[in-house]
Amino acid sequence: MEVGLILKIAGIGLICGVLSQFLSKTGREDHAGYVSLAGITIVIFMLISELGELIDLIEGVFGIG
């Protein structure tokens, strides 16, 4: 796993956390939930692509497929 990927995930978490807190304080809890959900979705899609590369690497090492 690259350090850049970890920093991207941390950045997304930080931005979503700040926006979520701001929206919660201004009385828009539903929007804050959407921001959190969007952040989680983006991170999951980033990790799915990395997981695909990991599976390809494991298949290559063990000669599967």
C-alpha atoms as a PDB file:
ATOM      1  CA  MET A   1       0.000   0.000   0.000  1.00  0.00           C
ATOM      2  CA  GLU A   2       1.321   3.371  -0.950  1.00  0.00           C
ATOM      3  CA  VAL A   3       1.755   6.218   1.464  1.00  0.00           C
ATOM      4  CA  GLY A   4      -0.072   8.452  -1.017  1.00  0.00           C
ATOM      5  CA  LEU A   5      -3.190   6.308  -0.751  1.00  0.00           C
ATOM      6  CA  ILE A   6      -3.126   6.526   3.033  1.00  0.00           C
ATOM      7  CA  LEU A   7      -2.773  10.309   2.840  1.00  0.00           C
ATOM      8  CA  LYS A   8      -5.676  10.547   0.378  1.00  0.00           C
ATOM      9  CA  ILE A   9      -7.903   8.519   2.684  1.00  0.00           C
ATOM     10  CA  ALA A  10      -6.865  10.638   5.669  1.00  0.00           C
ATOM     11  CA  GLY A  11      -7.546  13.816   3.695  1.00  0.00           C
ATOM     12  CA  ILE A  12     -10.993  12.647   2.667  1.00  0.00           C
ATOM     13  CA  GLY A  13     -11.740  11.720   6.272  1.00  0.00           C
ATOM     14  CA  LEU A  14     -10.564  15.091   7.522  1.00  0.00           C
ATOM     15  CA  ILE A  15     -12.564  17.071   4.976  1.00  0.00           C
ATOM     16  CA  CYS A  16     -15.701  14.997   5.539  1.00  0.00           C
ATOM     17  CA  GLY A  17     -15.332  15.282   9.291  1.00  0.00           C
ATOM     18  CA  VAL A  18     -15.000  19.059   9.212  1.00  0.00           C
ATOM     19  CA  LEU A  19     -17.915  19.464   6.806  1.00  0.00           C
ATOM     20  CA  SER A  20     -20.055  17.085   8.821  1.00  0.00           C
ATOM     21  CA  GLN A  21     -19.352  18.950  12.066  1.00  0.00           C
ATOM     22  CA  PHE A  22     -20.055  22.292  10.412  1.00  0.00           C
ATOM     23  CA  LEU A  23     -23.346  21.077   8.981  1.00  0.00           C
ATOM     24  CA  SER A  24     -24.361  19.525  12.305  1.00  0.00           C
ATOM     25  CA  LYS A  25     -23.689  22.782  14.159  1.00  0.00           C
ATOM     26  CA  THR A  26     -25.791  24.730  11.662  1.00  0.00           C
ATOM     27  CA  GLY A  27     -28.753  22.391  12.109  1.00  0.00           C
ATOM     28  CA  ARG A  28     -28.428  20.387   8.905  1.00  0.00           C
ATOM     29  CA  GLU A  29     -27.938  16.921  10.365  1.00  0.00           C
ATOM     30  CA  ASP A  30     -29.382  15.201   7.293  1.00  0.00           C
ATOM     31  CA  HIS A  31     -26.819  16.872   5.034  1.00  0.00           C
ATOM     32  CA  ALA A  32     -24.068  15.977   7.490  1.00  0.00           C
ATOM     33  CA  GLY A  33     -25.077  12.335   7.195  1.00  0.00           C
ATOM     34  CA  TYR A  34     -24.949  12.547   3.406  1.00  0.00           C
ATOM     35  CA  VAL A  35     -21.456  14.026   3.528  1.00  0.00           C
ATOM     36  CA  SER A  36     -20.289  11.196   5.774  1.00  0.00           C
ATOM     37  CA  LEU A  37     -21.902   8.611   3.530  1.00  0.00           C
ATOM     38  CA  ALA A  38     -20.286  10.148   0.446  1.00  0.00           C
ATOM     39  CA  GLY A  39     -16.860  10.084   2.119  1.00  0.00           C
ATOM     40  CA  ILE A  40     -17.226   6.437   3.095  1.00  0.00           C
ATOM     41  CA  THR A  41     -18.365   5.547  -0.425  1.00  0.00           C
ATOM     42  CA  ILE A  42     -15.395   7.295  -2.037  1.00  0.00           C
ATOM     43  CA  VAL A  43     -12.927   5.540   0.272  1.00  0.00           C
ATOM     44  CA  ILE A  44     -14.537   2.137  -0.345  1.00  0.00           C
ATOM     45  CA  PHE A  45     -14.233   2.603  -4.120  1.00  0.00           C
ATOM     46  CA  MET A  46     -10.577   3.562  -3.698  1.00  0.00           C
ATOM     47  CA  LEU A  47      -9.936   0.442  -1.629  1.00  0.00           C
ATOM     48  CA  ILE A  48     -11.789  -1.850  -4.048  1.00  0.00           C
ATOM     49  CA  SER A  49      -9.373  -0.956  -6.840  1.00  0.00           C
ATOM     50  CA  GLU A  50      -6.409  -1.606  -4.542  1.00  0.00           C
ATOM     51  CA  LEU A  51      -7.933  -4.906  -3.459  1.00  0.00           C
ATOM     52  CA  GLY A  52      -8.208  -5.957  -7.117  1.00  0.00           C
ATOM     53  CA  GLU A  53      -4.506  -5.293  -7.596  1.00  0.00           C
ATOM     54  CA  LEU A  54      -3.715  -7.303  -4.460  1.00  0.00           C
ATOM     55  CA  ILE A  55      -5.716 -10.277  -5.727  1.00  0.00           C
ATOM     56  CA  ASP A  56      -3.904 -10.117  -9.091  1.00  0.00           C
ATOM     57  CA  LEU A  57      -0.565 -10.065  -7.267  1.00  0.00           C
ATOM     58  CA  ILE A  58      -1.487 -13.079  -5.139  1.00  0.00           C
ATOM     59  CA  GLU A  59      -2.656 -14.985  -8.216  1.00  0.00           C
ATOM     60  CA  GLY A  60       0.647 -14.211  -9.940  1.00  0.00           C
ATOM     61  CA  VAL A  61       2.749 -15.297  -6.969  1.00  0.00           C
ATOM     62  CA  PHE A  62       0.967 -18.605  -6.456  1.00  0.00           C
ATOM     63  CA  GLY A  63       0.316 -19.291 -10.149  1.00  0.00           C
ATOM     64  CA  ILE A  64      -3.439 -19.357  -9.763  1.00  0.00           C
ATOM     65  CA  GLY A  65      -5.411 -18.703 -12.933  1.00  0.00           C
END
